[in-house]
Amino acid sequence: MTSTNDPNKPADEATDDVGPVVVGVDGSANAQRALGIAASLARSVDADLAVFHALGLMTVIDGEHVPSEGHRDDIERLLRNEWCALLQGDPSLRWRAEIVYGSPADVLLDMGHDLQASFVVVGSRGTGDELLLGSTSNHIVHHCDRPVVVVPPDDRVTHSHH
């Protein structure tokens, strides 16, 4: 498709180029749910899926909190082979995964903004410090300049209110 510089058709460019769906993963069950939903969303709007892992000072590998420094290769492997396993073998999905240094909230805010994301998808609970549960999604909802989708943890889905 050729893109013309016709001044009468500015709207065309916006609809052609759908920004990617940005999602953060950290190996937690909630992040996996968020990733699955982000993938469905990306397929449904025909967008790329941009998966990010925020590499802070500490990382959880096999349930252990370890310093991120020195574990980047392990994390890279986990990211591609395990955390993104559910994306593999799906020909209808265009995706990439990257490690970015910073706090999860900052990484998702920056990437959402820089890539002009169509959506930023975040799990409402990650593997972070117990005290920080929900703080990432809370921060993103309040500061993101792109549409945000917050994915609740599995256990919240099963509670029925009688």
N, C-alpha and C. Protein backbone atom coordinates (compact mmCIF):
# COMPACT_ATOMS: atom_id res chain seq x y z
N MET A 1 0.84 -1.19 0.00
CA MET A 1 0.00 0.00 0.00
C MET A 1 0.88 1.24 0.00
N THR A 2 0.59 2.18 -0.90
CA THR A 2 1.42 3.38 -0.93
C THR A 2 0.82 4.43 -0.02
N SER A 3 1.69 5.13 0.67
CA SER A 3 1.17 6.18 1.53
C SER A 3 1.38 7.48 0.77
N THR A 4 0.32 8.23 0.59
CA THR A 4 0.42 9.48 -0.16
C THR A 4 0.47 10.63 0.82
N ASN A 5 1.01 11.72 0.39
CA ASN A 5 1.05 12.90 1.25
C ASN A 5 -0.13 13.81 0.94
N ASP A 6 -1.24 13.22 0.59
CA ASP A 6 -2.43 13.98 0.27
C ASP A 6 -2.94 14.67 1.53
N PRO A 7 -2.94 15.99 1.55
CA PRO A 7 -3.35 16.71 2.76
C PRO A 7 -4.82 16.49 3.10
N ASN A 8 -5.60 16.00 2.13
CA ASN A 8 -7.03 15.81 2.40
C ASN A 8 -7.32 14.51 3.14
N LYS A 9 -6.29 13.65 3.31
CA LYS A 9 -6.56 12.36 3.95
C LYS A 9 -5.69 12.13 5.17
N PRO A 10 -5.74 13.02 6.16
CA PRO A 10 -4.87 12.81 7.32
C PRO A 10 -5.34 11.65 8.20
N ALA A 11 -6.62 11.36 8.18
CA ALA A 11 -7.15 10.34 9.09
C ALA A 11 -6.64 8.95 8.72
N ASP A 12 -6.32 8.79 7.44
CA ASP A 12 -5.92 7.48 6.95
C ASP A 12 -4.71 6.93 7.70
N GLU A 13 -3.73 7.77 7.91
CA GLU A 13 -2.48 7.32 8.51
C GLU A 13 -2.72 6.78 9.91
N ALA A 14 -3.58 7.43 10.65
CA ALA A 14 -3.82 7.02 12.03
C ALA A 14 -4.43 5.63 12.09
N THR A 15 -5.37 5.35 11.18
CA THR A 15 -6.05 4.06 11.25
C THR A 15 -5.15 2.95 10.72
N ASP A 16 -4.29 3.27 9.73
CA ASP A 16 -3.42 2.25 9.15
C ASP A 16 -2.48 1.67 10.17
N ASP A 17 -1.93 2.58 10.97
CA ASP A 17 -0.82 2.19 11.79
C ASP A 17 -1.30 2.03 13.22
N VAL A 18 -1.66 0.82 13.56
CA VAL A 18 -2.13 0.56 14.93
C VAL A 18 -0.90 0.41 15.81
N GLY A 19 -0.87 1.14 16.90
CA GLY A 19 0.26 1.02 17.82
C GLY A 19 0.26 -0.36 18.45
N PRO A 20 1.41 -0.82 18.92
CA PRO A 20 1.49 -2.15 19.51
C PRO A 20 0.73 -2.23 20.84
N VAL A 21 0.43 -3.45 21.23
CA VAL A 21 -0.09 -3.69 22.58
C VAL A 21 1.15 -3.96 23.44
N VAL A 22 1.32 -3.15 24.48
CA VAL A 22 2.49 -3.28 25.36
C VAL A 22 2.08 -4.02 26.62
N VAL A 23 2.87 -5.00 27.03
CA VAL A 23 2.55 -5.75 28.25
C VAL A 23 3.84 -6.06 29.00
N GLY A 24 3.74 -6.10 30.33
CA GLY A 24 4.90 -6.43 31.15
C GLY A 24 4.77 -7.84 31.70
N VAL A 25 5.88 -8.58 31.73
CA VAL A 25 5.86 -9.92 32.31
C VAL A 25 6.95 -10.04 33.38
N ASP A 26 6.67 -10.88 34.39
CA ASP A 26 7.69 -11.09 35.42
C ASP A 26 7.67 -12.53 35.92
N GLY A 27 6.99 -13.39 35.19
CA GLY A 27 6.97 -14.79 35.60
C GLY A 27 5.85 -15.14 36.55
N SER A 28 5.12 -14.14 37.05
CA SER A 28 4.02 -14.44 37.98
C SER A 28 2.82 -14.94 37.20
N ALA A 29 1.94 -15.66 37.90
CA ALA A 29 0.73 -16.19 37.27
C ALA A 29 -0.12 -15.05 36.72
N ASN A 30 -0.19 -13.97 37.46
CA ASN A 30 -1.01 -12.84 37.02
C ASN A 30 -0.43 -12.22 35.73
N ALA A 31 0.89 -12.16 35.66
CA ALA A 31 1.53 -11.61 34.45
C ALA A 31 1.25 -12.52 33.26
N GLN A 32 1.20 -13.85 33.50
CA GLN A 32 0.90 -14.77 32.41
C GLN A 32 -0.53 -14.55 31.90
N ARG A 33 -1.45 -14.32 32.82
CA ARG A 33 -2.83 -14.01 32.41
C ARG A 33 -2.87 -12.72 31.60
N ALA A 34 -2.12 -11.72 32.08
CA ALA A 34 -2.08 -10.43 31.38
C ALA A 34 -1.51 -10.62 29.96
N LEU A 35 -0.49 -11.47 29.86
CA LEU A 35 0.14 -11.72 28.57
C LEU A 35 -0.85 -12.38 27.61
N GLY A 36 -1.62 -13.35 28.12
CA GLY A 36 -2.62 -14.02 27.28
C GLY A 36 -3.67 -13.04 26.78
N ILE A 37 -4.09 -12.15 27.65
CA ILE A 37 -5.11 -11.17 27.28
C ILE A 37 -4.53 -10.16 26.31
N ALA A 38 -3.28 -9.75 26.54
CA ALA A 38 -2.61 -8.81 25.63
C ALA A 38 -2.48 -9.43 24.24
N ALA A 39 -2.18 -10.73 24.19
CA ALA A 39 -2.04 -11.42 22.89
C ALA A 39 -3.38 -11.45 22.16
N SER A 40 -4.45 -11.75 22.89
CA SER A 40 -5.79 -11.77 22.26
C SER A 40 -6.15 -10.38 21.73
N LEU A 41 -5.82 -9.39 22.54
CA LEU A 41 -6.12 -8.01 22.17
C LEU A 41 -5.35 -7.62 20.91
N ALA A 42 -4.05 -7.96 20.90
CA ALA A 42 -3.20 -7.63 19.75
C ALA A 42 -3.77 -8.28 18.48
N ARG A 43 -4.17 -9.56 18.60
CA ARG A 43 -4.75 -10.25 17.43
C ARG A 43 -6.02 -9.55 16.97
N SER A 44 -6.86 -9.18 17.94
CA SER A 44 -8.17 -8.65 17.56
C SER A 44 -8.07 -7.27 16.92
N VAL A 45 -7.05 -6.49 17.25
CA VAL A 45 -6.92 -5.17 16.62
C VAL A 45 -5.80 -5.18 15.57
N ASP A 46 -5.27 -6.38 15.29
CA ASP A 46 -4.19 -6.55 14.31
C ASP A 46 -3.00 -5.66 14.64
N ALA A 47 -2.57 -5.73 15.90
CA ALA A 47 -1.42 -4.94 16.34
C ALA A 47 -0.27 -5.89 16.68
N ASP A 48 0.92 -5.34 16.72
CA ASP A 48 2.06 -6.10 17.23
C ASP A 48 1.93 -6.19 18.74
N LEU A 49 2.57 -7.21 19.30
CA LEU A 49 2.60 -7.36 20.75
C LEU A 49 4.04 -7.09 21.20
N ALA A 50 4.20 -6.11 22.09
CA ALA A 50 5.53 -5.78 22.60
C ALA A 50 5.58 -6.18 24.07
N VAL A 51 6.37 -7.20 24.36
CA VAL A 51 6.44 -7.75 25.72
C VAL A 51 7.72 -7.23 26.39
N PHE A 52 7.56 -6.69 27.59
CA PHE A 52 8.72 -6.15 28.29
C PHE A 52 8.86 -6.77 29.67
N HIS A 53 10.12 -7.00 30.05
CA HIS A 53 10.39 -7.35 31.44
C HIS A 53 11.24 -6.22 31.99
N ALA A 54 10.76 -5.61 33.08
CA ALA A 54 11.50 -4.53 33.70
C ALA A 54 12.56 -5.13 34.61
N LEU A 55 13.80 -4.81 34.32
CA LEU A 55 14.88 -5.35 35.11
C LEU A 55 15.28 -4.32 36.17
N GLY A 56 14.83 -4.57 37.39
CA GLY A 56 15.18 -3.67 38.49
C GLY A 56 16.41 -4.20 39.19
N LEU A 57 16.49 -3.93 40.49
CA LEU A 57 17.66 -4.38 41.26
C LEU A 57 17.55 -5.85 41.61
N MET A 58 16.30 -6.32 41.82
CA MET A 58 16.09 -7.71 42.20
C MET A 58 15.17 -8.39 41.18
N THR A 59 15.37 -9.67 41.02
CA THR A 59 14.56 -10.45 40.09
C THR A 59 14.20 -11.75 40.78
N VAL A 60 13.06 -12.32 40.45
CA VAL A 60 12.69 -13.62 41.01
C VAL A 60 13.00 -14.69 39.97
N ILE A 61 13.91 -15.60 40.32
CA ILE A 61 14.22 -16.73 39.44
C ILE A 61 14.00 -18.00 40.25
N ASP A 62 13.15 -18.86 39.73
CA ASP A 62 12.80 -20.10 40.44
C ASP A 62 12.39 -19.81 41.88
N GLY A 63 11.60 -18.76 42.07
CA GLY A 63 11.08 -18.46 43.39
C GLY A 63 12.05 -17.77 44.32
N GLU A 64 13.30 -17.58 43.86
CA GLU A 64 14.30 -16.92 44.71
C GLU A 64 14.48 -15.47 44.28
N HIS A 65 14.55 -14.56 45.25
CA HIS A 65 14.89 -13.17 44.92
C HIS A 65 16.40 -13.09 44.76
N VAL A 66 16.86 -12.75 43.57
CA VAL A 66 18.31 -12.66 43.33
C VAL A 66 18.62 -11.28 42.73
N PRO A 67 19.85 -10.80 42.92
CA PRO A 67 20.22 -9.53 42.28
C PRO A 67 20.16 -9.70 40.77
N SER A 68 19.58 -8.73 40.07
CA SER A 68 19.45 -8.84 38.62
C SER A 68 20.81 -8.83 37.95
N GLU A 69 21.71 -8.04 38.51
CA GLU A 69 23.05 -7.93 37.95
C GLU A 69 23.67 -9.31 37.91
N GLY A 70 24.13 -9.73 36.74
CA GLY A 70 24.75 -11.05 36.65
C GLY A 70 23.76 -12.14 36.27
N HIS A 71 22.48 -11.85 36.29
CA HIS A 71 21.50 -12.87 35.91
C HIS A 71 20.78 -12.52 34.62
N ARG A 72 21.30 -11.54 33.90
CA ARG A 72 20.58 -11.09 32.71
C ARG A 72 20.38 -12.22 31.69
N ASP A 73 21.39 -13.06 31.51
CA ASP A 73 21.26 -14.16 30.54
C ASP A 73 20.16 -15.13 30.95
N ASP A 74 20.13 -15.44 32.26
CA ASP A 74 19.08 -16.34 32.76
C ASP A 74 17.71 -15.72 32.51
N ILE A 75 17.62 -14.43 32.79
CA ILE A 75 16.33 -13.76 32.66
C ILE A 75 15.91 -13.71 31.20
N GLU A 76 16.87 -13.44 30.32
CA GLU A 76 16.62 -13.42 28.88
C GLU A 76 16.05 -14.78 28.44
N ARG A 77 16.66 -15.86 28.95
CA ARG A 77 16.19 -17.21 28.61
C ARG A 77 14.78 -17.45 29.14
N LEU A 78 14.57 -17.09 30.40
CA LEU A 78 13.24 -17.26 31.00
C LEU A 78 12.19 -16.50 30.18
N LEU A 79 12.54 -15.26 29.83
CA LEU A 79 11.62 -14.40 29.11
C LEU A 79 11.21 -15.06 27.79
N ARG A 80 12.20 -15.51 27.02
CA ARG A 80 11.88 -16.08 25.71
C ARG A 80 11.26 -17.47 25.79
N ASN A 81 11.84 -18.32 26.65
CA ASN A 81 11.44 -19.74 26.63
C ASN A 81 10.26 -20.08 27.52
N GLU A 82 10.13 -19.37 28.65
CA GLU A 82 9.06 -19.73 29.58
C GLU A 82 7.96 -18.70 29.62
N TRP A 83 8.33 -17.45 29.92
CA TRP A 83 7.28 -16.44 30.09
C TRP A 83 6.52 -16.19 28.80
N CYS A 84 7.21 -16.31 27.65
CA CYS A 84 6.54 -16.06 26.37
C CYS A 84 6.17 -17.34 25.65
N ALA A 85 6.24 -18.49 26.37
CA ALA A 85 5.96 -19.78 25.73
C ALA A 85 4.58 -19.82 25.09
N LEU A 86 3.61 -19.17 25.73
CA LEU A 86 2.25 -19.26 25.21
C LEU A 86 2.08 -18.48 23.90
N LEU A 87 3.08 -17.67 23.53
CA LEU A 87 2.98 -16.92 22.28
C LEU A 87 3.58 -17.69 21.11
N GLN A 88 4.41 -18.67 21.43
CA GLN A 88 5.15 -19.36 20.37
C GLN A 88 4.23 -20.27 19.57
N GLY A 89 4.54 -20.40 18.31
CA GLY A 89 3.76 -21.27 17.44
C GLY A 89 2.42 -20.68 17.06
N ASP A 90 2.24 -19.38 17.27
CA ASP A 90 1.00 -18.75 16.83
C ASP A 90 1.32 -17.85 15.63
N PRO A 91 1.03 -18.35 14.42
CA PRO A 91 1.42 -17.59 13.22
C PRO A 91 0.65 -16.29 13.06
N SER A 92 -0.48 -16.15 13.76
CA SER A 92 -1.29 -14.94 13.57
C SER A 92 -0.83 -13.80 14.45
N LEU A 93 0.24 -14.04 15.22
CA LEU A 93 0.67 -13.02 16.19
C LEU A 93 2.08 -12.54 15.87
N ARG A 94 2.25 -11.23 15.81
CA ARG A 94 3.59 -10.64 15.66
C ARG A 94 4.01 -10.12 17.02
N TRP A 95 5.10 -10.65 17.56
CA TRP A 95 5.50 -10.22 18.90
C TRP A 95 7.01 -10.17 19.05
N ARG A 96 7.43 -9.40 20.02
CA ARG A 96 8.84 -9.37 20.39
C ARG A 96 8.93 -9.17 21.90
N ALA A 97 10.02 -9.63 22.46
CA ALA A 97 10.18 -9.52 23.91
C ALA A 97 11.52 -8.85 24.19
N GLU A 98 11.51 -7.97 25.16
CA GLU A 98 12.72 -7.22 25.48
C GLU A 98 12.86 -7.02 26.98
N ILE A 99 14.12 -6.94 27.42
CA ILE A 99 14.39 -6.58 28.80
C ILE A 99 14.77 -5.10 28.82
N VAL A 100 14.14 -4.36 29.72
CA VAL A 100 14.44 -2.93 29.83
C VAL A 100 14.76 -2.64 31.30
N TYR A 101 15.82 -1.87 31.52
CA TYR A 101 16.17 -1.53 32.91
C TYR A 101 15.23 -0.48 33.46
N GLY A 102 14.78 -0.70 34.70
CA GLY A 102 13.93 0.29 35.34
C GLY A 102 12.84 -0.39 36.15
N SER A 103 12.01 0.43 36.81
CA SER A 103 10.91 -0.15 37.59
C SER A 103 9.81 -0.54 36.60
N PRO A 104 9.00 -1.57 36.95
CA PRO A 104 7.95 -2.01 36.02
C PRO A 104 7.04 -0.87 35.59
N ALA A 105 6.68 0.00 36.53
CA ALA A 105 5.77 1.10 36.18
C ALA A 105 6.43 2.04 35.16
N ASP A 106 7.68 2.42 35.44
CA ASP A 106 8.36 3.35 34.53
C ASP A 106 8.57 2.74 33.15
N VAL A 107 8.96 1.47 33.12
CA VAL A 107 9.21 0.82 31.84
C VAL A 107 7.93 0.80 31.00
N LEU A 108 6.81 0.40 31.62
CA LEU A 108 5.56 0.31 30.85
C LEU A 108 5.06 1.69 30.44
N LEU A 109 5.21 2.68 31.32
CA LEU A 109 4.80 4.04 30.96
C LEU A 109 5.64 4.56 29.79
N ASP A 110 6.96 4.38 29.90
CA ASP A 110 7.86 4.88 28.85
C ASP A 110 7.61 4.18 27.53
N MET A 111 7.49 2.84 27.58
CA MET A 111 7.32 2.09 26.34
C MET A 111 5.95 2.38 25.72
N GLY A 112 4.94 2.47 26.57
CA GLY A 112 3.61 2.80 26.06
C GLY A 112 3.63 4.12 25.32
N HIS A 113 4.33 5.09 25.91
CA HIS A 113 4.40 6.43 25.32
C HIS A 113 5.26 6.42 24.06
N ASP A 114 6.47 5.86 24.18
CA ASP A 114 7.42 5.92 23.06
C ASP A 114 6.90 5.18 21.83
N LEU A 115 6.23 4.06 22.06
CA LEU A 115 5.75 3.24 20.94
C LEU A 115 4.35 3.66 20.50
N GLN A 116 3.80 4.66 21.18
CA GLN A 116 2.41 5.07 20.90
C GLN A 116 1.50 3.85 20.92
N ALA A 117 1.57 3.12 22.00
CA ALA A 117 0.84 1.85 22.14
C ALA A 117 -0.66 2.05 21.98
N SER A 118 -1.31 1.04 21.38
CA SER A 118 -2.77 1.12 21.32
C SER A 118 -3.34 0.78 22.70
N PHE A 119 -2.67 -0.12 23.43
CA PHE A 119 -3.05 -0.44 24.80
C PHE A 119 -1.82 -0.80 25.61
N VAL A 120 -1.86 -0.49 26.90
CA VAL A 120 -0.85 -0.99 27.83
C VAL A 120 -1.59 -1.96 28.75
N VAL A 121 -1.13 -3.21 28.77
CA VAL A 121 -1.79 -4.24 29.58
C VAL A 121 -0.91 -4.55 30.78
N VAL A 122 -1.51 -4.55 31.96
CA VAL A 122 -0.73 -4.79 33.17
C VAL A 122 -1.50 -5.72 34.10
N GLY A 123 -0.80 -6.67 34.69
CA GLY A 123 -1.42 -7.52 35.70
C GLY A 123 -1.54 -6.71 36.98
N SER A 124 -2.62 -6.95 37.74
CA SER A 124 -2.79 -6.12 38.93
C SER A 124 -1.92 -6.59 40.08
N ARG A 125 -1.26 -7.74 39.91
CA ARG A 125 -0.33 -8.21 40.94
C ARG A 125 0.85 -8.89 40.28
N GLY A 126 2.07 -8.52 40.70
CA GLY A 126 3.25 -9.16 40.15
C GLY A 126 3.98 -9.93 41.23
N THR A 127 5.24 -10.27 40.96
CA THR A 127 6.01 -11.04 41.95
C THR A 127 6.75 -10.11 42.89
N GLY A 128 6.48 -8.82 42.78
CA GLY A 128 7.25 -7.85 43.56
C GLY A 128 7.08 -8.00 45.05
N ASP A 129 7.70 -7.12 45.75
CA ASP A 129 7.62 -7.05 47.20
C ASP A 129 6.14 -7.04 47.64
N GLU A 130 5.82 -7.78 48.68
CA GLU A 130 4.43 -7.85 49.15
C GLU A 130 3.82 -6.46 49.35
N LEU A 131 4.65 -5.54 49.83
CA LEU A 131 4.12 -4.20 50.11
C LEU A 131 3.75 -3.45 48.83
N LEU A 132 4.32 -3.90 47.72
CA LEU A 132 4.11 -3.17 46.48
C LEU A 132 2.99 -3.76 45.64
N LEU A 133 2.29 -4.76 46.17
CA LEU A 133 1.24 -5.38 45.38
C LEU A 133 0.27 -4.33 44.89
N GLY A 134 0.04 -4.33 43.62
CA GLY A 134 -0.92 -3.39 43.07
C GLY A 134 -0.36 -2.01 42.81
N SER A 135 0.85 -1.74 43.29
CA SER A 135 1.33 -0.37 43.13
C SER A 135 1.69 -0.07 41.68
N THR A 136 2.20 -1.08 40.96
CA THR A 136 2.56 -0.87 39.55
C THR A 136 1.34 -0.52 38.72
N SER A 137 0.29 -1.36 38.82
CA SER A 137 -0.90 -1.10 38.01
C SER A 137 -1.56 0.21 38.43
N ASN A 138 -1.54 0.48 39.73
CA ASN A 138 -2.12 1.72 40.24
C ASN A 138 -1.40 2.93 39.64
N HIS A 139 -0.09 2.88 39.66
CA HIS A 139 0.72 3.98 39.14
C HIS A 139 0.47 4.18 37.64
N ILE A 140 0.43 3.06 36.91
CA ILE A 140 0.24 3.15 35.46
C ILE A 140 -1.12 3.72 35.11
N VAL A 141 -2.16 3.26 35.80
CA VAL A 141 -3.51 3.76 35.53
C VAL A 141 -3.55 5.28 35.71
N HIS A 142 -2.84 5.79 36.72
CA HIS A 142 -2.90 7.23 36.99
C HIS A 142 -1.97 8.08 36.14
N HIS A 143 -0.94 7.47 35.55
CA HIS A 143 0.04 8.30 34.85
C HIS A 143 0.19 7.99 33.36
N CYS A 144 -0.42 6.93 32.87
CA CYS A 144 -0.20 6.53 31.48
C CYS A 144 -0.99 7.42 30.53
N ASP A 145 -0.37 7.75 29.39
CA ASP A 145 -1.07 8.57 28.40
C ASP A 145 -1.68 7.70 27.29
N ARG A 146 -1.69 6.38 27.50
CA ARG A 146 -2.31 5.46 26.54
C ARG A 146 -3.42 4.71 27.27
N PRO A 147 -4.35 4.07 26.51
CA PRO A 147 -5.38 3.27 27.19
C PRO A 147 -4.74 2.11 27.97
N VAL A 148 -5.24 1.87 29.18
CA VAL A 148 -4.65 0.83 30.04
C VAL A 148 -5.68 -0.26 30.31
N VAL A 149 -5.25 -1.52 30.21
CA VAL A 149 -6.09 -2.66 30.56
C VAL A 149 -5.45 -3.32 31.79
N VAL A 150 -6.19 -3.39 32.89
CA VAL A 150 -5.66 -4.02 34.10
C VAL A 150 -6.31 -5.40 34.24
N VAL A 151 -5.47 -6.43 34.36
CA VAL A 151 -5.96 -7.81 34.41
C VAL A 151 -5.93 -8.28 35.87
N PRO A 152 -7.11 -8.61 36.43
CA PRO A 152 -7.14 -9.06 37.81
C PRO A 152 -6.55 -10.46 37.94
N PRO A 153 -6.07 -10.82 39.13
CA PRO A 153 -5.56 -12.17 39.34
C PRO A 153 -6.67 -13.20 39.26
N ASP A 154 -6.27 -14.42 38.96
CA ASP A 154 -7.21 -15.53 38.78
C ASP A 154 -8.15 -15.69 39.96
N ASP A 155 -7.61 -15.57 41.19
CA ASP A 155 -8.43 -15.87 42.36
C ASP A 155 -9.57 -14.87 42.54
N ARG A 156 -9.47 -13.72 41.85
CA ARG A 156 -10.55 -12.76 42.00
C ARG A 156 -11.73 -13.15 41.10
N VAL A 157 -11.43 -13.93 40.08
CA VAL A 157 -12.47 -14.30 39.11
C VAL A 157 -13.40 -15.35 39.71
N THR A 158 -12.86 -16.21 40.59
CA THR A 158 -13.67 -17.34 41.06
C THR A 158 -14.61 -17.00 42.20
N HIS A 159 -14.39 -15.85 42.86
CA HIS A 159 -15.29 -15.50 43.97
C HIS A 159 -16.65 -15.10 43.41
N SER A 160 -17.69 -15.81 43.82
CA SER A 160 -19.02 -15.36 43.40
C SER A 160 -19.67 -14.68 44.60
N HIS A 161 -20.34 -13.59 44.33
CA HIS A 161 -20.97 -12.87 45.42
C HIS A 161 -22.37 -13.41 45.63
N HIS A 162 -22.62 -13.96 46.80
CA HIS A 162 -23.96 -14.49 47.08
C HIS A 162 -24.82 -13.44 47.71
